[in-house]
């Protein structure tokens, strides 16, 4: 699987990575985009010794949040174990506070930079709002009831069992399962190059062999977990499109 992933990245980016790092945490995309934009800027003019000497600023309450963000991105760009340990220590302390997500990304980049230097590897980071693990990305999926009747306990159990089985057959994982009156939401992990559409349609079709109770369209996102009101908003759009 990783070979296919590396080939796909090579086709998109023009490089063949030796290792792919997927951000495991659920971090807002705007935070990730802001971090990587800052990371790009700090690399244009960076003095390793000065940055390491200023590392204590991370733990100084008088230093601004923006300055700490810049410093974390600078430290993550330094291929020295000392820089990685500083970020790691910051992540594990209360001082991280509102910088927790930013610091977690910095720690991942720092590890990648250090490993790339020590092992002479070409590595890349793959990110999404919901994160992932190893070679898999996390997705939030919603299945809708096909009529105005409530889900029965048997239908809910069937969706859970079939979803888990089909996901596992595709090297995936069902992390969360939540059933409401007219919809079922799942938090799942699937390989980054998985055929999402085919897998989800298979779940719907397999369940519908027992009564056609699932709507043939579904919601899927890897940006964030949708709230109940957000889900209802999208489901109403489904209904309007059908009318």
C-alpha atoms as a PDB file:
ATOM      1  CA  UNK A   1       0.000   0.000   0.000  1.00  0.00           C
ATOM      2  CA  UNK A   2       2.750   2.442   0.911  1.00  0.00           C
ATOM      3  CA  UNK A   3       4.382   1.829  -2.452  1.00  0.00           C
ATOM      4  CA  UNK A   4       1.189   2.920  -4.207  1.00  0.00           C
ATOM      5  CA  UNK A   5       0.957   5.969  -1.957  1.00  0.00           C
ATOM      6  CA  UNK A   6       4.529   6.975  -2.686  1.00  0.00           C
ATOM      7  CA  UNK A   7       3.911   6.581  -6.415  1.00  0.00           C
ATOM      8  CA  UNK A   8       0.806   8.764  -6.199  1.00  0.00           C
ATOM      9  CA  UNK A   9       2.699  11.497  -4.342  1.00  0.00           C
ATOM     10  CA  UNK A  10       5.493  11.279  -6.893  1.00  0.00           C
ATOM     11  CA  UNK A  11       2.972  11.873  -9.682  1.00  0.00           C
ATOM     12  CA  UNK A  12       1.426  14.866  -7.896  1.00  0.00           C
ATOM     13  CA  UNK A  13       4.502  16.527  -6.391  1.00  0.00           C
ATOM     14  CA  UNK A  14       7.224  15.287  -8.698  1.00  0.00           C
ATOM     15  CA  UNK A  15       9.150  13.656  -5.838  1.00  0.00           C
ATOM     16  CA  UNK A  16       9.306  10.098  -4.539  1.00  0.00           C
ATOM     17  CA  UNK A  17       9.193  10.137  -0.732  1.00  0.00           C
ATOM     18  CA  UNK A  18      10.907   7.472   1.353  1.00  0.00           C
ATOM     19  CA  UNK A  19       8.373   8.041   4.119  1.00  0.00           C
ATOM     20  CA  UNK A  20       4.917   9.616   4.354  1.00  0.00           C
ATOM     21  CA  UNK A  21       3.930  11.306   7.627  1.00  0.00           C
ATOM     22  CA  UNK A  22       0.188  11.733   8.207  1.00  0.00           C
ATOM     23  CA  UNK A  23      -0.769  14.231  10.897  1.00  0.00           C
ATOM     24  CA  UNK A  24      -2.616  12.026  13.429  1.00  0.00           C
ATOM     25  CA  UNK A  25      -4.418  14.788  15.298  1.00  0.00           C
ATOM     26  CA  UNK A  26      -7.734  16.466  14.571  1.00  0.00           C
ATOM     27  CA  UNK A  27      -6.551  20.005  13.892  1.00  0.00           C
ATOM     28  CA  UNK A  28      -8.521  22.747  12.078  1.00  0.00           C
ATOM     29  CA  UNK A  29      -7.366  23.144   8.493  1.00  0.00           C
ATOM     30  CA  UNK A  30      -6.937  26.893   8.896  1.00  0.00           C
ATOM     31  CA  UNK A  31      -4.417  26.237  11.681  1.00  0.00           C
ATOM     32  CA  UNK A  32      -2.537  23.743   9.519  1.00  0.00           C
ATOM     33  CA  UNK A  33      -2.459  26.086   6.526  1.00  0.00           C
ATOM     34  CA  UNK A  34      -1.277  28.988   8.685  1.00  0.00           C
ATOM     35  CA  UNK A  35       1.448  26.818  10.207  1.00  0.00           C
ATOM     36  CA  UNK A  36       2.855  25.602   6.896  1.00  0.00           C
ATOM     37  CA  UNK A  37       2.777  29.135   5.472  1.00  0.00           C
ATOM     38  CA  UNK A  38       4.778  30.323   8.488  1.00  0.00           C
ATOM     39  CA  UNK A  39       7.111  27.337   8.194  1.00  0.00           C
ATOM     40  CA  UNK A  40       7.842  28.270   4.603  1.00  0.00           C
ATOM     41  CA  UNK A  41       8.660  31.863   5.562  1.00  0.00           C
ATOM     42  CA  UNK A  42      10.989  31.057   8.475  1.00  0.00           C
ATOM     43  CA  UNK A  43      13.157  28.848   6.282  1.00  0.00           C
ATOM     44  CA  UNK A  44      14.063  31.798   4.058  1.00  0.00           C
ATOM     45  CA  UNK A  45      16.355  33.318   6.677  1.00  0.00           C
ATOM     46  CA  UNK A  46      17.122  31.297   9.774  1.00  0.00           C
ATOM     47  CA  UNK A  47      20.081  31.245  12.163  1.00  0.00           C
ATOM     48  CA  UNK A  48      20.117  27.941  14.040  1.00  0.00           C
ATOM     49  CA  UNK A  49      22.214  29.189  16.957  1.00  0.00           C
ATOM     50  CA  UNK A  50      20.066  32.268  17.544  1.00  0.00           C
ATOM     51  CA  UNK A  51      16.856  30.229  17.414  1.00  0.00           C
ATOM     52  CA  UNK A  52      18.150  27.655  19.897  1.00  0.00           C
ATOM     53  CA  UNK A  53      19.351  30.413  22.224  1.00  0.00           C
ATOM     54  CA  UNK A  54      15.880  31.966  22.124  1.00  0.00           C
ATOM     55  CA  UNK A  55      14.075  28.669  22.779  1.00  0.00           C
ATOM     56  CA  UNK A  56      13.329  29.633  26.392  1.00  0.00           C
ATOM     57  CA  UNK A  57      10.919  32.267  25.059  1.00  0.00           C
ATOM     58  CA  UNK A  58       8.393  29.471  24.564  1.00  0.00           C
ATOM     59  CA  UNK A  59       8.018  29.217  28.330  1.00  0.00           C
ATOM     60  CA  UNK A  60       7.953  32.979  28.955  1.00  0.00           C
ATOM     61  CA  UNK A  61       4.383  34.257  29.539  1.00  0.00           C
ATOM     62  CA  UNK A  62       5.437  37.758  28.450  1.00  0.00           C
ATOM     63  CA  UNK A  63       6.268  36.598  24.907  1.00  0.00           C
ATOM     64  CA  UNK A  64       3.365  37.019  22.467  1.00  0.00           C
ATOM     65  CA  UNK A  65       1.498  34.108  20.902  1.00  0.00           C
ATOM     66  CA  UNK A  66       2.568  35.189  17.421  1.00  0.00           C
ATOM     67  CA  UNK A  67       6.249  35.264  18.408  1.00  0.00           C
ATOM     68  CA  UNK A  68       5.927  31.794  19.916  1.00  0.00           C
ATOM     69  CA  UNK A  69       4.305  30.512  16.716  1.00  0.00           C
ATOM     70  CA  UNK A  70       7.218  31.856  14.701  1.00  0.00           C
ATOM     71  CA  UNK A  71       9.732  30.355  17.128  1.00  0.00           C
ATOM     72  CA  UNK A  72       8.070  26.921  17.018  1.00  0.00           C
ATOM     73  CA  UNK A  73       8.180  26.906  13.217  1.00  0.00           C
ATOM     74  CA  UNK A  74      11.837  27.927  13.346  1.00  0.00           C
ATOM     75  CA  UNK A  75      12.721  25.184  15.821  1.00  0.00           C
ATOM     76  CA  UNK A  76      10.894  22.624  13.665  1.00  0.00           C
ATOM     77  CA  UNK A  77      13.153  23.573  10.755  1.00  0.00           C
ATOM     78  CA  UNK A  78      16.348  22.728  12.635  1.00  0.00           C
ATOM     79  CA  UNK A  79      17.748  19.239  12.061  1.00  0.00           C
ATOM     80  CA  UNK A  80      19.111  18.817  15.584  1.00  0.00           C
ATOM     81  CA  UNK A  81      17.793  16.544  18.376  1.00  0.00           C
ATOM     82  CA  UNK A  82      17.947  19.500  20.761  1.00  0.00           C
ATOM     83  CA  UNK A  83      15.328  21.377  18.739  1.00  0.00           C
ATOM     84  CA  UNK A  84      13.005  18.355  18.693  1.00  0.00           C
ATOM     85  CA  UNK A  85      13.312  17.877  22.466  1.00  0.00           C
ATOM     86  CA  UNK A  86      12.480  21.536  23.102  1.00  0.00           C
ATOM     87  CA  UNK A  87       9.274  21.314  21.057  1.00  0.00           C
ATOM     88  CA  UNK A  88       8.374  17.959  22.630  1.00  0.00           C
ATOM     89  CA  UNK A  89       8.811  19.413  26.103  1.00  0.00           C
ATOM     90  CA  UNK A  90       6.636  22.402  25.187  1.00  0.00           C
ATOM     91  CA  UNK A  91       3.862  20.179  23.791  1.00  0.00           C
ATOM     92  CA  UNK A  92       3.729  18.235  27.055  1.00  0.00           C
ATOM     93  CA  UNK A  93       3.455  21.285  29.320  1.00  0.00           C
ATOM     94  CA  UNK A  94       0.582  23.544  30.309  1.00  0.00           C
ATOM     95  CA  UNK A  95       2.368  26.474  28.658  1.00  0.00           C
ATOM     96  CA  UNK A  96       1.263  25.172  25.255  1.00  0.00           C
ATOM     97  CA  UNK A  97      -2.313  26.260  25.977  1.00  0.00           C
ATOM     98  CA  UNK A  98      -3.908  27.740  22.864  1.00  0.00           C
ATOM     99  CA  UNK A  99      -0.747  26.859  20.937  1.00  0.00           C
ATOM    100  CA  UNK A 100      -1.296  23.140  21.485  1.00  0.00           C
ATOM    101  CA  UNK A 101      -2.375  22.381  17.895  1.00  0.00           C
ATOM    102  CA  UNK A 102       0.364  24.571  16.431  1.00  0.00           C
ATOM    103  CA  UNK A 103       2.975  22.895  18.614  1.00  0.00           C
ATOM    104  CA  UNK A 104       1.778  19.400  17.636  1.00  0.00           C
ATOM    105  CA  UNK A 105       2.286  20.208  13.953  1.00  0.00           C
ATOM    106  CA  UNK A 106       5.703  21.663  14.742  1.00  0.00           C
ATOM    107  CA  UNK A 107       6.650  18.456  16.563  1.00  0.00           C
ATOM    108  CA  UNK A 108       5.665  16.341  13.556  1.00  0.00           C
ATOM    109  CA  UNK A 109       7.638  18.557  11.180  1.00  0.00           C
ATOM    110  CA  UNK A 110      10.613  18.566  13.546  1.00  0.00           C
ATOM    111  CA  UNK A 111      10.661  14.765  13.672  1.00  0.00           C
ATOM    112  CA  UNK A 112      10.404  14.605   9.886  1.00  0.00           C
ATOM    113  CA  UNK A 113      13.250  17.103   9.423  1.00  0.00           C
ATOM    114  CA  UNK A 114      15.442  15.262  11.925  1.00  0.00           C
ATOM    115  CA  UNK A 115      14.754  11.811  10.445  1.00  0.00           C
ATOM    116  CA  UNK A 116      15.305  13.097   6.920  1.00  0.00           C
ATOM    117  CA  UNK A 117      18.700  14.454   7.955  1.00  0.00           C
ATOM    118  CA  UNK A 118      19.863  11.475  10.022  1.00  0.00           C
ATOM    119  CA  UNK A 119      18.549   8.758   7.682  1.00  0.00           C
ATOM    120  CA  UNK A 120      19.060  10.652   4.426  1.00  0.00           C
ATOM    121  CA  UNK A 121      15.388  10.152   3.547  1.00  0.00           C
ATOM    122  CA  UNK A 122      12.999  12.218   1.466  1.00  0.00           C
ATOM    123  CA  UNK A 123       9.861  12.630   3.594  1.00  0.00           C
ATOM    124  CA  UNK A 124       6.546  14.459   3.171  1.00  0.00           C
ATOM    125  CA  UNK A 125       3.655  15.424   5.458  1.00  0.00           C
ATOM    126  CA  UNK A 126       0.055  14.685   4.491  1.00  0.00           C
ATOM    127  CA  UNK A 127      -2.560  16.629   6.438  1.00  0.00           C
ATOM    128  CA  UNK A 128      -6.331  16.911   6.758  1.00  0.00           C
ATOM    129  CA  UNK A 129      -8.634  18.464   9.313  1.00  0.00           C
ATOM    130  CA  UNK A 130      -9.503  15.124  10.920  1.00  0.00           C
ATOM    131  CA  UNK A 131      -5.982  13.716  10.794  1.00  0.00           C
ATOM    132  CA  UNK A 132      -5.236  10.014  10.499  1.00  0.00           C
ATOM    133  CA  UNK A 133      -2.762   7.339  11.505  1.00  0.00           C
ATOM    134  CA  UNK A 134       0.230   5.818   9.729  1.00  0.00           C
ATOM    135  CA  UNK A 135      -0.956   5.461   6.106  1.00  0.00           C
ATOM    136  CA  UNK A 136      -4.669   6.117   6.682  1.00  0.00           C
ATOM    137  CA  UNK A 137      -6.817   9.256   6.742  1.00  0.00           C
ATOM    138  CA  UNK A 138      -9.798   9.890   8.992  1.00  0.00           C
ATOM    139  CA  UNK A 139     -13.253  10.652   7.539  1.00  0.00           C
ATOM    140  CA  UNK A 140     -16.629  11.641   8.975  1.00  0.00           C
ATOM    141  CA  UNK A 141     -19.503   9.889   7.183  1.00  0.00           C
ATOM    142  CA  UNK A 142     -23.271  10.247   7.489  1.00  0.00           C
ATOM    143  CA  UNK A 143     -25.850   7.777   6.165  1.00  0.00           C
ATOM    144  CA  UNK A 144     -29.462   8.976   5.878  1.00  0.00           C
ATOM    145  CA  UNK A 145     -32.710   7.058   6.353  1.00  0.00           C
ATOM    146  CA  UNK A 146     -34.452   6.387   3.041  1.00  0.00           C
ATOM    147  CA  UNK A 147     -37.911   7.270   4.383  1.00  0.00           C
ATOM    148  CA  UNK A 148     -39.581   9.150   7.225  1.00  0.00           C
ATOM    149  CA  UNK A 149     -39.582   6.139   9.536  1.00  0.00           C
ATOM    150  CA  UNK A 150     -37.179   5.935  12.480  1.00  0.00           C
ATOM    151  CA  UNK A 151     -34.256   3.530  12.340  1.00  0.00           C
ATOM    152  CA  UNK A 152     -35.056   0.247  14.058  1.00  0.00           C
ATOM    153  CA  UNK A 153     -32.562  -1.311  16.457  1.00  0.00           C
ATOM    154  CA  UNK A 154     -31.997  -4.120  13.957  1.00  0.00           C
ATOM    155  CA  UNK A 155     -31.210  -1.655  11.158  1.00  0.00           C
ATOM    156  CA  UNK A 156     -28.781   0.285  13.331  1.00  0.00           C
ATOM    157  CA  UNK A 157     -26.975  -2.903  14.343  1.00  0.00           C
ATOM    158  CA  UNK A 158     -26.836  -4.058  10.718  1.00  0.00           C
ATOM    159  CA  UNK A 159     -25.233  -0.796   9.564  1.00  0.00           C
ATOM    160  CA  UNK A 160     -22.660  -1.039  12.348  1.00  0.00           C
ATOM    161  CA  UNK A 161     -21.767  -4.677  11.605  1.00  0.00           C
ATOM    162  CA  UNK A 162     -21.583  -4.257   7.818  1.00  0.00           C
ATOM    163  CA  UNK A 163     -19.632  -0.996   8.072  1.00  0.00           C
ATOM    164  CA  UNK A 164     -17.082  -2.555  10.389  1.00  0.00           C
ATOM    165  CA  UNK A 165     -16.669  -5.656   8.210  1.00  0.00           C
ATOM    166  CA  UNK A 166     -16.361  -3.795   4.894  1.00  0.00           C
ATOM    167  CA  UNK A 167     -13.955  -1.237   6.348  1.00  0.00           C
ATOM    168  CA  UNK A 168     -11.731  -3.934   7.843  1.00  0.00           C
ATOM    169  CA  UNK A 169     -11.677  -5.759   4.497  1.00  0.00           C
ATOM    170  CA  UNK A 170     -10.236  -2.565   3.010  1.00  0.00           C
ATOM    171  CA  UNK A 171      -7.587  -2.040   5.713  1.00  0.00           C
ATOM    172  CA  UNK A 172      -9.899   0.468   7.388  1.00  0.00           C
ATOM    173  CA  UNK A 173     -11.256   0.979  10.880  1.00  0.00           C
ATOM    174  CA  UNK A 174     -14.570   2.078  12.377  1.00  0.00           C
ATOM    175  CA  UNK A 175     -13.586   4.431  15.216  1.00  0.00           C
ATOM    176  CA  UNK A 176     -16.954   5.914  16.184  1.00  0.00           C
ATOM    177  CA  UNK A 177     -20.564   4.970  15.464  1.00  0.00           C
ATOM    178  CA  UNK A 178     -23.498   7.185  16.412  1.00  0.00           C
ATOM    179  CA  UNK A 179     -27.146   6.518  15.538  1.00  0.00           C
ATOM    180  CA  UNK A 180     -29.835   9.203  15.581  1.00  0.00           C
ATOM    181  CA  UNK A 181     -33.498   9.003  14.599  1.00  0.00           C
ATOM    182  CA  UNK A 182     -33.007   9.578  10.869  1.00  0.00           C
ATOM    183  CA  UNK A 183     -29.258   9.375  10.308  1.00  0.00           C
ATOM    184  CA  UNK A 184     -26.179   7.425  11.348  1.00  0.00           C
ATOM    185  CA  UNK A 185     -22.736   9.028  11.620  1.00  0.00           C
ATOM    186  CA  UNK A 186     -19.398   7.229  11.522  1.00  0.00           C
ATOM    187  CA  UNK A 187     -15.809   8.252  12.131  1.00  0.00           C
ATOM    188  CA  UNK A 188     -13.614   5.980  10.043  1.00  0.00           C
ATOM    189  CA  UNK A 189     -10.023   5.418   8.966  1.00  0.00           C
ATOM    190  CA  UNK A 190      -9.169   4.338   5.418  1.00  0.00           C
ATOM    191  CA  UNK A 191      -5.937   4.130   3.419  1.00  0.00           C
ATOM    192  CA  UNK A 192      -5.126   7.403   1.706  1.00  0.00           C
ATOM    193  CA  UNK A 193      -5.505   5.819  -1.741  1.00  0.00           C
ATOM    194  CA  UNK A 194      -8.692   3.866  -0.937  1.00  0.00           C
ATOM    195  CA  UNK A 195     -11.642   4.026  -3.332  1.00  0.00           C
ATOM    196  CA  UNK A 196     -13.937   5.832  -0.895  1.00  0.00           C
ATOM    197  CA  UNK A 197     -16.953   5.944  -3.187  1.00  0.00           C
ATOM    198  CA  UNK A 198     -16.910   2.210  -3.900  1.00  0.00           C
ATOM    199  CA  UNK A 199     -16.451   1.312  -0.242  1.00  0.00           C
ATOM    200  CA  UNK A 200     -19.284   3.524   1.009  1.00  0.00           C
ATOM    201  CA  UNK A 201     -21.637   2.475  -1.789  1.00  0.00           C
ATOM    202  CA  UNK A 202     -20.905  -1.144  -0.909  1.00  0.00           C
ATOM    203  CA  UNK A 203     -21.927  -0.470   2.695  1.00  0.00           C
ATOM    204  CA  UNK A 204     -25.185   1.146   1.545  1.00  0.00           C
ATOM    205  CA  UNK A 205     -25.983  -1.578  -0.991  1.00  0.00           C
ATOM    206  CA  UNK A 206     -25.172  -4.414   1.397  1.00  0.00           C
ATOM    207  CA  UNK A 207     -27.421  -2.952   4.094  1.00  0.00           C
ATOM    208  CA  UNK A 208     -30.176  -2.285   1.573  1.00  0.00           C
ATOM    209  CA  UNK A 209     -30.328  -5.975   0.726  1.00  0.00           C
ATOM    210  CA  UNK A 210     -32.313  -6.158   3.959  1.00  0.00           C
ATOM    211  CA  UNK A 211     -35.016  -3.629   3.144  1.00  0.00           C
ATOM    212  CA  UNK A 212     -33.659  -0.630   1.191  1.00  0.00           C
ATOM    213  CA  UNK A 213     -33.730   1.540   4.302  1.00  0.00           C
ATOM    214  CA  UNK A 214     -30.599   3.634   3.566  1.00  0.00           C
ATOM    215  CA  UNK A 215     -30.636   6.611   1.211  1.00  0.00           C
ATOM    216  CA  UNK A 216     -28.331   6.047  -1.772  1.00  0.00           C
ATOM    217  CA  UNK A 217     -26.421   9.284  -1.142  1.00  0.00           C
ATOM    218  CA  UNK A 218     -24.226  10.059   1.850  1.00  0.00           C
ATOM    219  CA  UNK A 219     -22.163  12.824   3.431  1.00  0.00           C
ATOM    220  CA  UNK A 220     -18.394  12.519   3.745  1.00  0.00           C
ATOM    221  CA  UNK A 221     -15.720  14.973   4.853  1.00  0.00           C
ATOM    222  CA  UNK A 222     -12.170  14.840   6.195  1.00  0.00           C
ATOM    223  CA  UNK A 223     -12.251  18.469   7.352  1.00  0.00           C
ATOM    224  CA  UNK A 224     -14.099  18.075  10.672  1.00  0.00           C
ATOM    225  CA  UNK A 225     -16.785  16.197  12.584  1.00  0.00           C
ATOM    226  CA  UNK A 226     -20.117  17.799  11.757  1.00  0.00           C
ATOM    227  CA  UNK A 227     -22.462  18.892  14.530  1.00  0.00           C
ATOM    228  CA  UNK A 228     -26.056  17.663  14.730  1.00  0.00           C
ATOM    229  CA  UNK A 229     -27.356  20.955  13.303  1.00  0.00           C
ATOM    230  CA  UNK A 230     -24.813  20.905  10.475  1.00  0.00           C
ATOM    231  CA  UNK A 231     -25.843  17.372   9.562  1.00  0.00           C
ATOM    232  CA  UNK A 232     -29.526  18.320   9.523  1.00  0.00           C
ATOM    233  CA  UNK A 233     -28.701  21.301   7.294  1.00  0.00           C
ATOM    234  CA  UNK A 234     -27.045  19.072   4.702  1.00  0.00           C
ATOM    235  CA  UNK A 235     -29.758  16.419   4.916  1.00  0.00           C
ATOM    236  CA  UNK A 236     -32.391  19.066   4.187  1.00  0.00           C
ATOM    237  CA  UNK A 237     -30.444  19.915   1.034  1.00  0.00           C
ATOM    238  CA  UNK A 238     -30.715  16.262   0.019  1.00  0.00           C
ATOM    239  CA  UNK A 239     -34.483  16.445   0.478  1.00  0.00           C
ATOM    240  CA  UNK A 240     -34.771  19.673  -1.535  1.00  0.00           C
ATOM    241  CA  UNK A 241     -32.773  18.220  -4.412  1.00  0.00           C
ATOM    242  CA  UNK A 242     -35.085  15.213  -4.505  1.00  0.00           C
ATOM    243  CA  UNK A 243     -38.271  17.309  -4.525  1.00  0.00           C
END
